[in-house]
C-alpha atoms as a PDB file:
ATOM      1  CA  MET A   1     -30.624  13.096  -6.362  1.00  0.00           C
ATOM      2  CA  ALA A   2     -31.465  16.353  -8.095  1.00  0.00           C
ATOM      3  CA  THR A   3     -29.986  15.182 -11.364  1.00  0.00           C
ATOM      4  CA  ALA A   4     -32.303  12.188 -11.792  1.00  0.00           C
ATOM      5  CA  ARG A   5     -33.784  11.835 -15.244  1.00  0.00           C
ATOM      6  CA  ILE A   6     -37.392  12.802 -15.835  1.00  0.00           C
ATOM      7  CA  GLY A   7     -39.556   9.743 -15.235  1.00  0.00           C
ATOM      8  CA  GLU A   8     -36.771   7.790 -13.545  1.00  0.00           C
ATOM      9  CA  THR A   9     -37.946   6.091 -10.362  1.00  0.00           C
ATOM     10  CA  PRO A  10     -36.043   6.571  -7.073  1.00  0.00           C
ATOM     11  CA  THR A  11     -35.215   2.858  -7.085  1.00  0.00           C
ATOM     12  CA  ALA A  12     -33.678   3.084 -10.542  1.00  0.00           C
ATOM     13  CA  MET A  13     -31.593   6.063  -9.487  1.00  0.00           C
ATOM     14  CA  ILE A  14     -30.398   4.253  -6.362  1.00  0.00           C
ATOM     15  CA  ASP A  15     -29.382   1.309  -8.541  1.00  0.00           C
ATOM     16  CA  ARG A  16     -27.334   3.632 -10.733  1.00  0.00           C
ATOM     17  CA  VAL A  17     -25.586   5.191  -7.737  1.00  0.00           C
ATOM     18  CA  ALA A  18     -24.912   1.736  -6.281  1.00  0.00           C
ATOM     19  CA  SER A  19     -23.429   0.562  -9.583  1.00  0.00           C
ATOM     20  CA  ILE A  20     -21.048   3.541  -9.488  1.00  0.00           C
ATOM     21  CA  LEU A  21     -19.936   2.908  -5.884  1.00  0.00           C
ATOM     22  CA  GLU A  22     -19.464  -0.807  -6.445  1.00  0.00           C
ATOM     23  CA  THR A  23     -16.957  -0.187  -9.224  1.00  0.00           C
ATOM     24  CA  PHE A  24     -14.475   1.013  -6.587  1.00  0.00           C
ATOM     25  CA  VAL A  25     -14.568  -2.163  -4.454  1.00  0.00           C
ATOM     26  CA  GLY A  26     -11.080  -3.641  -4.426  1.00  0.00           C
ATOM     27  CA  GLN A  27      -9.918  -1.210  -7.117  1.00  0.00           C
ATOM     28  CA  ARG A  28      -7.314   1.515  -7.455  1.00  0.00           C
ATOM     29  CA  PRO A  29      -8.543   5.052  -8.260  1.00  0.00           C
ATOM     30  CA  LEU A  30     -10.449   5.016 -11.554  1.00  0.00           C
ATOM     31  CA  THR A  31     -10.894   7.459 -14.423  1.00  0.00           C
ATOM     32  CA  LEU A  32     -14.331   8.528 -15.590  1.00  0.00           C
ATOM     33  CA  ALA A  33     -14.055   6.241 -18.606  1.00  0.00           C
ATOM     34  CA  GLU A  34     -13.211   3.266 -16.352  1.00  0.00           C
ATOM     35  CA  VAL A  35     -16.112   4.015 -14.000  1.00  0.00           C
ATOM     36  CA  ALA A  36     -18.538   4.265 -16.916  1.00  0.00           C
ATOM     37  CA  ARG A  37     -17.281   1.009 -18.437  1.00  0.00           C
ATOM     38  CA  CYS A  38     -17.322  -0.958 -15.163  1.00  0.00           C
ATOM     39  CA  SER A  39     -20.733   0.345 -14.082  1.00  0.00           C
ATOM     40  CA  GLY A  40     -22.342  -0.090 -17.509  1.00  0.00           C
ATOM     41  CA  LEU A  41     -23.650   3.488 -17.439  1.00  0.00           C
ATOM     42  CA  PRO A  42     -23.363   6.127 -20.159  1.00  0.00           C
ATOM     43  CA  ARG A  43     -20.356   8.369 -19.644  1.00  0.00           C
ATOM     44  CA  SER A  44     -22.535  11.458 -19.200  1.00  0.00           C
ATOM     45  CA  SER A  45     -24.643   9.759 -16.500  1.00  0.00           C
ATOM     46  CA  ALA A  46     -21.583   8.446 -14.694  1.00  0.00           C
ATOM     47  CA  HIS A  47     -20.027  11.919 -14.735  1.00  0.00           C
ATOM     48  CA  ARG A  48     -23.183  13.577 -13.403  1.00  0.00           C
ATOM     49  CA  ILE A  49     -23.533  11.077 -10.539  1.00  0.00           C
ATOM     50  CA  LEU A  50     -19.828  11.235  -9.674  1.00  0.00           C
ATOM     51  CA  GLN A  51     -19.961  15.025  -9.426  1.00  0.00           C
ATOM     52  CA  ARG A  52     -22.750  14.844  -6.856  1.00  0.00           C
ATOM     53  CA  LEU A  53     -21.038  12.037  -4.914  1.00  0.00           C
ATOM     54  CA  VAL A  54     -17.887  14.165  -4.736  1.00  0.00           C
ATOM     55  CA  GLU A  55     -19.931  17.068  -3.321  1.00  0.00           C
ATOM     56  CA  LEU A  56     -21.351  14.737  -0.639  1.00  0.00           C
ATOM     57  CA  GLY A  57     -17.988  13.261   0.289  1.00  0.00           C
ATOM     58  CA  TRP A  58     -18.854   9.737  -0.856  1.00  0.00           C
ATOM     59  CA  VAL A  59     -16.258   9.940  -3.623  1.00  0.00           C
ATOM     60  CA  GLU A  60     -13.029  11.932  -3.893  1.00  0.00           C
ATOM     61  CA  ARG A  61     -11.506  13.317  -7.074  1.00  0.00           C
ATOM     62  CA  ASN A  62      -7.785  13.771  -7.604  1.00  0.00           C
ATOM     63  CA  GLU A  63      -7.082  15.328 -10.999  1.00  0.00           C
ATOM     64  CA  PHE A  64      -8.692  12.893 -13.474  1.00  0.00           C
ATOM     65  CA  LYS A  65      -9.235   9.942 -11.138  1.00  0.00           C
ATOM     66  CA  TYR A  66     -11.911   9.052  -8.605  1.00  0.00           C
ATOM     67  CA  ALA A  67     -11.796   6.991  -5.391  1.00  0.00           C
ATOM     68  CA  LEU A  68     -14.075   6.324  -2.433  1.00  0.00           C
ATOM     69  CA  GLY A  69     -14.280   9.310  -0.080  1.00  0.00           C
ATOM     70  CA  HIS A  70     -14.124   9.924   3.632  1.00  0.00           C
ATOM     71  CA  ARG A  71     -17.856   9.382   4.174  1.00  0.00           C
ATOM     72  CA  MET A  72     -17.534   5.782   3.026  1.00  0.00           C
ATOM     73  CA  PHE A  73     -14.738   5.265   5.550  1.00  0.00           C
ATOM     74  CA  GLU A  74     -16.820   6.826   8.321  1.00  0.00           C
ATOM     75  CA  LEU A  75     -19.793   4.573   7.584  1.00  0.00           C
ATOM     76  CA  GLY A  76     -17.595   1.503   7.351  1.00  0.00           C
ATOM     77  CA  THR A  77     -16.058   2.319  10.713  1.00  0.00           C
ATOM     78  CA  GLN A  78     -19.512   2.787  12.208  1.00  0.00           C
ATOM     79  CA  PHE A  79     -20.563  -0.612  10.835  1.00  0.00           C
ATOM     80  CA  THR A  80     -17.745  -2.393  12.643  1.00  0.00           C
ATOM     81  CA  ARG A  81     -18.213  -0.445  15.865  1.00  0.00           C
ATOM     82  CA  GLN A  82     -21.864  -1.438  16.056  1.00  0.00           C
ATOM     83  CA  ARG A  83     -21.025  -5.129  16.199  1.00  0.00           C
ATOM     84  CA  SER A  84     -20.089  -6.569  19.561  1.00  0.00           C
ATOM     85  CA  VAL A  85     -17.881  -9.170  17.904  1.00  0.00           C
ATOM     86  CA  HIS A  86     -15.629  -6.418  16.562  1.00  0.00           C
ATOM     87  CA  ARG A  87     -15.389  -4.721  19.950  1.00  0.00           C
ATOM     88  CA  ALA A  88     -14.552  -8.059  21.560  1.00  0.00           C
ATOM     89  CA  ALA A  89     -12.061  -9.097  18.882  1.00  0.00           C
ATOM     90  CA  LEU A  90      -9.877  -5.998  18.661  1.00  0.00           C
ATOM     91  CA  PRO A  91      -8.096  -6.301  22.049  1.00  0.00           C
ATOM     92  CA  VAL A  92      -7.628 -10.042  21.514  1.00  0.00           C
ATOM     93  CA  MET A  93      -6.163  -9.443  18.044  1.00  0.00           C
ATOM     94  CA  THR A  94      -3.852  -6.780  19.444  1.00  0.00           C
ATOM     95  CA  GLU A  95      -2.648  -9.169  22.135  1.00  0.00           C
ATOM     96  CA  LEU A  96      -2.115 -11.982  19.635  1.00  0.00           C
ATOM     97  CA  HIS A  97      -0.095  -9.755  17.346  1.00  0.00           C
ATOM     98  CA  ARG A  98       1.985  -8.401  20.220  1.00  0.00           C
ATOM     99  CA  ARG A  99       2.878 -11.849  21.484  1.00  0.00           C
ATOM    100  CA  THR A 100       3.326 -13.734  18.217  1.00  0.00           C
ATOM    101  CA  GLY A 101       4.351 -11.116  15.670  1.00  0.00           C
ATOM    102  CA  LEU A 102       1.769 -12.518  13.271  1.00  0.00           C
ATOM    103  CA  THR A 103      -0.849 -10.380  11.547  1.00  0.00           C
ATOM    104  CA  ALA A 104      -4.336 -10.898  12.981  1.00  0.00           C
ATOM    105  CA  HIS A 105      -7.504 -10.564  10.898  1.00  0.00           C
ATOM    106  CA  LEU A 106     -11.176 -10.441  11.795  1.00  0.00           C
ATOM    107  CA  SER A 107     -13.198 -11.543   8.772  1.00  0.00           C
ATOM    108  CA  MET A 108     -16.758 -12.457   7.897  1.00  0.00           C
ATOM    109  CA  LEU A 109     -18.372 -14.652   5.284  1.00  0.00           C
ATOM    110  CA  THR A 110     -20.439 -12.709   2.785  1.00  0.00           C
ATOM    111  CA  GLY A 111     -21.752 -14.782  -0.076  1.00  0.00           C
ATOM    112  CA  ALA A 112     -18.889 -16.810  -1.522  1.00  0.00           C
ATOM    113  CA  GLU A 113     -16.261 -14.349  -0.288  1.00  0.00           C
ATOM    114  CA  ILE A 114     -14.428 -13.419   2.871  1.00  0.00           C
ATOM    115  CA  LEU A 115     -14.563  -9.731   3.821  1.00  0.00           C
ATOM    116  CA  HIS A 116     -11.750  -8.513   6.084  1.00  0.00           C
ATOM    117  CA  LEU A 117     -13.264  -6.275   8.773  1.00  0.00           C
ATOM    118  CA  ASP A 118     -10.139  -5.497  10.749  1.00  0.00           C
ATOM    119  CA  ARG A 119      -6.410  -6.177  10.782  1.00  0.00           C
ATOM    120  CA  VAL A 120      -3.639  -5.815  13.360  1.00  0.00           C
ATOM    121  CA  GLY A 121      -0.140  -6.141  11.915  1.00  0.00           C
ATOM    122  CA  VAL A 122       1.878  -4.901   8.960  1.00  0.00           C
ATOM    123  CA  TRP A 123       2.728  -8.117   7.111  1.00  0.00           C
ATOM    124  CA  PRO A 124       2.361  -8.679   4.187  1.00  0.00           C
ATOM    125  CA  GLY A 125       3.642  -5.140   3.627  1.00  0.00           C
ATOM    126  CA  ASP A 126       1.492  -4.526   0.545  1.00  0.00           C
ATOM    127  CA  ALA A 127      -1.901  -5.199   2.142  1.00  0.00           C
ATOM    128  CA  GLY A 128      -3.777  -5.568  -1.170  1.00  0.00           C
ATOM    129  CA  GLU A 129      -6.236  -8.412  -0.807  1.00  0.00           C
ATOM    130  CA  TRP A 130      -5.262  -8.743   2.868  1.00  0.00           C
ATOM    131  CA  GLY A 131      -6.267  -5.188   3.816  1.00  0.00           C
ATOM    132  CA  VAL A 132      -9.327  -3.965   5.715  1.00  0.00           C
ATOM    133  CA  GLY A 133     -12.315  -3.928   3.374  1.00  0.00           C
ATOM    134  CA  ALA A 134     -10.689  -6.326   0.927  1.00  0.00           C
ATOM    135  CA  ARG A 135     -12.363  -9.522  -0.211  1.00  0.00           C
ATOM    136  CA  GLN A 136     -10.995 -12.959  -1.039  1.00  0.00           C
ATOM    137  CA  PRO A 137     -12.730 -16.096  -2.356  1.00  0.00           C
ATOM    138  CA  ALA A 138     -13.837 -18.122   0.670  1.00  0.00           C
ATOM    139  CA  VAL A 139     -12.542 -21.427  -0.697  1.00  0.00           C
ATOM    140  CA  ARG A 140      -9.012 -20.010  -1.055  1.00  0.00           C
ATOM    141  CA  THR A 141      -8.739 -18.705   2.496  1.00  0.00           C
ATOM    142  CA  ALA A 142      -8.310 -20.303   5.897  1.00  0.00           C
ATOM    143  CA  ALA A 143     -11.025 -18.010   7.288  1.00  0.00           C
ATOM    144  CA  GLY A 144     -13.453 -19.015   4.536  1.00  0.00           C
ATOM    145  CA  ARG A 145     -12.868 -22.735   4.963  1.00  0.00           C
ATOM    146  CA  ALA A 146     -13.067 -22.497   8.769  1.00  0.00           C
ATOM    147  CA  LEU A 147     -16.555 -21.038   8.327  1.00  0.00           C
ATOM    148  CA  LEU A 148     -17.687 -23.325   5.498  1.00  0.00           C
ATOM    149  CA  ALA A 149     -16.729 -26.343   7.630  1.00  0.00           C
ATOM    150  CA  GLY A 150     -19.491 -25.409  10.063  1.00  0.00           C
ATOM    151  CA  VAL A 151     -22.187 -24.589   7.508  1.00  0.00           C
ATOM    152  CA  PRO A 152     -24.501 -27.316   6.146  1.00  0.00           C
ATOM    153  CA  LYS A 153     -23.660 -27.933   2.512  1.00  0.00           C
ATOM    154  CA  ASP A 154     -27.176 -27.077   1.340  1.00  0.00           C
ATOM    155  CA  GLU A 155     -26.689 -23.583   2.806  1.00  0.00           C
ATOM    156  CA  TRP A 156     -23.397 -22.893   1.011  1.00  0.00           C
ATOM    157  CA  PRO A 157     -23.153 -20.023  -1.456  1.00  0.00           C
ATOM    158  CA  ASP A 158     -22.324 -20.856  -5.057  1.00  0.00           C
ATOM    159  CA  ILE A 159     -18.671 -21.895  -5.127  1.00  0.00           C
ATOM    160  CA  ASP A 160     -16.464 -20.774  -8.017  1.00  0.00           C
ATOM    161  CA  PHE A 161     -12.938 -22.167  -7.748  1.00  0.00           C
ATOM    162  CA  GLY A 162     -11.600 -20.059 -10.613  1.00  0.00           C
ATOM    163  CA  ALA A 163      -7.949 -20.021 -11.615  1.00  0.00           C
ATOM    164  CA  ALA A 164      -5.556 -21.257  -8.930  1.00  0.00           C
ATOM    165  CA  PRO A 165      -2.996 -18.586  -7.917  1.00  0.00           C
ATOM    166  CA  THR A 166      -0.506 -21.207  -6.635  1.00  0.00           C
ATOM    167  CA  CYS A 167       0.095 -24.939  -6.901  1.00  0.00           C
ATOM    168  CA  TYR A 168      -1.114 -25.293  -3.279  1.00  0.00           C
ATOM    169  CA  THR A 169      -4.547 -23.747  -3.866  1.00  0.00           C
ATOM    170  CA  VAL A 170      -7.720 -25.725  -3.155  1.00  0.00           C
ATOM    171  CA  CYS A 171      -9.150 -25.818  -6.670  1.00  0.00           C
ATOM    172  CA  SER A 172     -11.746 -28.617  -6.802  1.00  0.00           C
ATOM    173  CA  ALA A 173     -14.730 -29.929  -4.835  1.00  0.00           C
ATOM    174  CA  VAL A 174     -12.789 -33.070  -3.900  1.00  0.00           C
ATOM    175  CA  GLN A 175      -9.880 -31.059  -2.502  1.00  0.00           C
ATOM    176  CA  LEU A 176     -12.281 -28.784  -0.646  1.00  0.00           C
ATOM    177  CA  ASP A 177     -14.091 -31.715   1.004  1.00  0.00           C
ATOM    178  CA  ARG A 178     -10.774 -33.196   2.149  1.00  0.00           C
ATOM    179  CA  ASP A 179      -9.617 -29.884   3.531  1.00  0.00           C
ATOM    180  CA  LEU A 180     -12.885 -29.348   5.402  1.00  0.00           C
ATOM    181  CA  ASP A 181     -12.626 -32.831   6.922  1.00  0.00           C
ATOM    182  CA  ARG A 182      -9.157 -31.932   8.229  1.00  0.00           C
ATOM    183  CA  THR A 183     -10.532 -28.632   9.495  1.00  0.00           C
ATOM    184  CA  ARG A 184     -13.284 -30.412  11.452  1.00  0.00           C
ATOM    185  CA  ASP A 185     -10.711 -32.829  12.880  1.00  0.00           C
ATOM    186  CA  ARG A 186      -8.855 -29.799  14.274  1.00  0.00           C
ATOM    187  CA  GLY A 187     -11.992 -28.591  16.008  1.00  0.00           C
ATOM    188  CA  GLY A 188     -12.912 -26.144  13.255  1.00  0.00           C
ATOM    189  CA  VAL A 189      -9.469 -24.585  12.767  1.00  0.00           C
ATOM    190  CA  ALA A 190      -8.451 -24.249   9.101  1.00  0.00           C
ATOM    191  CA  VAL A 191      -4.905 -23.949   7.762  1.00  0.00           C
ATOM    192  CA  ASP A 192      -3.986 -22.450   4.404  1.00  0.00           C
ATOM    193  CA  ALA A 193      -0.303 -22.976   3.610  1.00  0.00           C
ATOM    194  CA  GLN A 194       0.557 -20.957   0.494  1.00  0.00           C
ATOM    195  CA  GLY A 195      -2.853 -21.486  -1.114  1.00  0.00           C
ATOM    196  CA  CYS A 196      -3.562 -17.752  -1.428  1.00  0.00           C
ATOM    197  CA  ALA A 197      -0.012 -16.639  -2.054  1.00  0.00           C
ATOM    198  CA  LEU A 198       3.397 -18.288  -2.042  1.00  0.00           C
ATOM    199  CA  GLY A 199       5.225 -17.837   1.249  1.00  0.00           C
ATOM    200  CA  VAL A 200       2.071 -17.006   3.230  1.00  0.00           C
ATOM    201  CA  THR A 201       0.470 -19.303   5.819  1.00  0.00           C
ATOM    202  CA  VAL A 202      -2.838 -18.453   7.491  1.00  0.00           C
ATOM    203  CA  VAL A 203      -4.550 -20.241  10.388  1.00  0.00           C
ATOM    204  CA  ALA A 204      -8.190 -19.381  11.170  1.00  0.00           C
ATOM    205  CA  ALA A 205     -10.913 -20.372  13.624  1.00  0.00           C
ATOM    206  CA  PRO A 206     -14.631 -19.577  13.560  1.00  0.00           C
ATOM    207  CA  ILE A 207     -16.198 -17.282  16.141  1.00  0.00           C
ATOM    208  CA  ALA A 208     -19.666 -18.370  17.256  1.00  0.00           C
ATOM    209  CA  THR A 209     -21.863 -15.279  17.726  1.00  0.00           C
ATOM    210  CA  GLY A 210     -25.570 -14.604  17.831  1.00  0.00           C
ATOM    211  CA  GLU A 211     -25.443 -11.670  15.422  1.00  0.00           C
ATOM    212  CA  GLY A 212     -26.541 -13.483  12.291  1.00  0.00           C
ATOM    213  CA  GLY A 213     -23.080 -13.371  10.739  1.00  0.00           C
ATOM    214  CA  TYR A 214     -20.273 -15.809  10.172  1.00  0.00           C
ATOM    215  CA  PHE A 215     -17.036 -14.440  11.648  1.00  0.00           C
ATOM    216  CA  ALA A 216     -13.513 -15.856  11.815  1.00  0.00           C
ATOM    217  CA  LEU A 217     -10.300 -14.895  13.584  1.00  0.00           C
ATOM    218  CA  SER A 218      -7.018 -15.656  11.811  1.00  0.00           C
ATOM    219  CA  LEU A 219      -3.264 -15.273  12.117  1.00  0.00           C
ATOM    220  CA  CYS A 220      -1.088 -14.768   9.043  1.00  0.00           C
ATOM    221  CA  GLY A 221       2.675 -15.046   8.700  1.00  0.00           C
ATOM    222  CA  PRO A 222       5.613 -16.190   6.570  1.00  0.00           C
ATOM    223  CA  THR A 223       5.393 -19.916   5.853  1.00  0.00           C
ATOM    224  CA  LYS A 224       9.070 -20.534   6.618  1.00  0.00           C
ATOM    225  CA  SER A 225       8.748 -19.267  10.204  1.00  0.00           C
ATOM    226  CA  VAL A 226       5.178 -20.151  11.246  1.00  0.00           C
ATOM    227  CA  ARG A 227       4.962 -23.119  13.608  1.00  0.00           C
ATOM    228  CA  THR A 228       1.547 -24.336  12.585  1.00  0.00           C
ATOM    229  CA  GLU A 229       0.626 -26.478  15.583  1.00  0.00           C
ATOM    230  CA  THR A 230       1.450 -23.669  18.001  1.00  0.00           C
ATOM    231  CA  VAL A 231      -0.552 -21.158  15.985  1.00  0.00           C
ATOM    232  CA  ILE A 232      -3.543 -23.538  15.767  1.00  0.00           C
ATOM    233  CA  ALA A 233      -3.713 -23.584  19.562  1.00  0.00           C
ATOM    234  CA  ASP A 234      -3.313 -19.800  19.714  1.00  0.00           C
ATOM    235  CA  VAL A 235      -6.124 -19.126  17.257  1.00  0.00           C
ATOM    236  CA  ARG A 236      -8.520 -21.691  18.716  1.00  0.00           C
ATOM    237  CA  ARG A 237      -8.254 -20.238  22.211  1.00  0.00           C
ATOM    238  CA  ALA A 238      -8.368 -16.645  21.014  1.00  0.00           C
ATOM    239  CA  ALA A 239     -11.572 -17.290  19.046  1.00  0.00           C
ATOM    240  CA  ALA A 240     -13.125 -18.792  22.170  1.00  0.00           C
ATOM    241  CA  VAL A 241     -12.200 -15.659  24.145  1.00  0.00           C
ATOM    242  CA  VAL A 242     -13.757 -13.391  21.493  1.00  0.00           C
ATOM    243  CA  TRP A 243     -16.944 -15.455  21.504  1.00  0.00           C
ATOM    244  CA  ARG A 244     -17.233 -15.293  25.287  1.00  0.00           C
ATOM    245  CA  ASN A 245     -16.567 -11.559  25.441  1.00  0.00           C
ATOM    246  CA  ALA A 246     -18.953 -10.818  22.555  1.00  0.00           C
ATOM    247  CA  SER A 247     -21.656 -12.826  24.304  1.00  0.00           C
ATOM    248  CA  GLY A 248     -21.688 -10.442  27.263  1.00  0.00           C
ATOM    249  CA  MET A 249     -20.055 -12.858  29.699  1.00  0.00           C
ATOM    250  CA  PRO A 250     -17.326 -11.649  32.121  1.00  0.00           C
ATOM    251  CA  PRO A 251     -14.415 -10.602  29.865  1.00  0.00           C
ATOM    252  CA  LEU A 252     -11.381 -12.820  29.357  1.00  0.00           C
ATOM    253  CA  ARG A 253      -8.204 -12.390  27.424  1.00  0.00           C
ATOM    254  CA  VAL A 254      -5.540 -14.651  25.989  1.00  0.00           C
ATOM    255  CA  ARG A 255      -2.396 -14.690  28.118  1.00  0.00           C
ATOM    256  CA  PRO A 256       0.916 -16.522  28.193  1.00  0.00           C
ATOM    257  CA  ALA A 257       0.991 -19.573  30.436  1.00  0.00           C
ATOM    258  CA  GLU A 258       2.009 -18.853  34.017  1.00  0.00           C
ATOM    259  CA  GLY A 259       5.754 -18.688  34.461  1.00  0.00           C
ATOM    260  CA  ARG A 260       6.489 -18.113  30.755  1.00  0.00           C
ATOM    261  CA  THR A 261       8.282 -14.892  29.932  1.00  0.00           C
ATOM    262  CA  VAL A 262       7.423 -13.428  26.558  1.00  0.00           C
ATOM    263  CA  ALA A 263       9.494 -10.599  25.109  1.00  0.00           C
ATOM    264  CA  PRO A 264       7.691  -7.997  22.982  1.00  0.00           C
ATOM    265  CA  PHE A 265       7.948  -8.885  19.302  1.00  0.00           C
ATOM    266  CA  THR A 266      10.560  -7.198  17.165  1.00  0.00           C
ATOM    267  CA  ARG A 267      11.545  -8.018  13.621  1.00  0.00           C
ATOM    268  CA  THR A 268      14.770  -9.637  14.848  1.00  0.00           C
ATOM    269  CA  ALA A 269      13.782 -10.922  18.289  1.00  0.00           C
ATOM    270  CA  ARG A 270      12.502 -14.366  17.288  1.00  0.00           C
ATOM    271  CA  PRO A 271      10.662 -16.318  14.575  1.00  0.00           C
ATOM    272  CA  VAL A 272       6.997 -15.432  14.343  1.00  0.00           C
ATOM    273  CA  GLY A 273       4.436 -17.835  15.723  1.00  0.00           C
ATOM    274  CA  THR A 274       6.704 -18.988  18.581  1.00  0.00           C
ATOM    275  CA  ALA A 275       7.640 -18.236  22.167  1.00  0.00           C
ATOM    276  CA  TRP A 276       4.268 -18.219  23.808  1.00  0.00           C
ATOM    277  CA  SER A 277       1.776 -20.671  25.204  1.00  0.00           C
ATOM    278  CA  PRO A 278      -1.720 -19.185  25.468  1.00  0.00           C
ATOM    279  CA  ASP A 279      -4.089 -19.625  28.339  1.00  0.00           C
ATOM    280  CA  ILE A 280      -7.459 -18.152  29.177  1.00  0.00           C
ATOM    281  CA  ALA A 281      -7.374 -16.116  32.390  1.00  0.00           C
ATOM    282  CA  PRO A 282      -9.605 -13.431  33.917  1.00  0.00           C
ATOM    283  CA  LEU A 283      -8.925  -9.922  32.682  1.00  0.00           C
ATOM    284  CA  VAL A 284      -7.146  -8.020  35.430  1.00  0.00           C
ATOM    285  CA  GLY A 285      -7.813  -4.329  36.040  1.00  0.00           C
END
């Protein structure tokens, strides 16, 4: 960076740039004053770095506010494309959404949070914490608890329960242990009924991969219309298909059981999470 201070090491400058970029994670567009305050940098330094990041396409400026730019999107897309689990999951997620009407997520455990890598579906309408690139506390999510259930306790990240957003939220170590026991009893499938947000139910299963990451596949829908037991079976089988396909074995996909007719999902056709019975069958064509 040409604007580095005299005597400032490259590592120190990288740290300053990183502190600027990290202020935008999960945030709306920010003003210069907000970026400086959140990054802990002097306003003049923040302004100088932001100007260069705008020139490079890492950050975009609209009037007096800044947001992540197109280069960040391009790199994020490249990150997901490089991972075989993402390539294997996307067609399975698309099929799940088409047949159930539920929103499918591919997520990974990073520290004590879940990072959403991909999403197929439009509900909830305001993606917010459910959108691609968004993070949620692992203990509050079905995906996070599905993954924690398979990790030895001495390898867990530091857990911070924080303030509970709803009365159904897992908010203590005792509640978490009970929930993880239930998750293990279901073969690793976790259920979060209104723990993240009222009216939202999420069912998630872990995906076993050899890529050094912890990934989960989940389905999300309105609590009043999700038939949990049916969705548990859907997610469990779909996660198994993703694992097999990501492992380089002959590809499979999740299909309706033979003889069952499934109409394409519409907003008025049927309640979500119903009307299909999954099976694992060879991919045709």
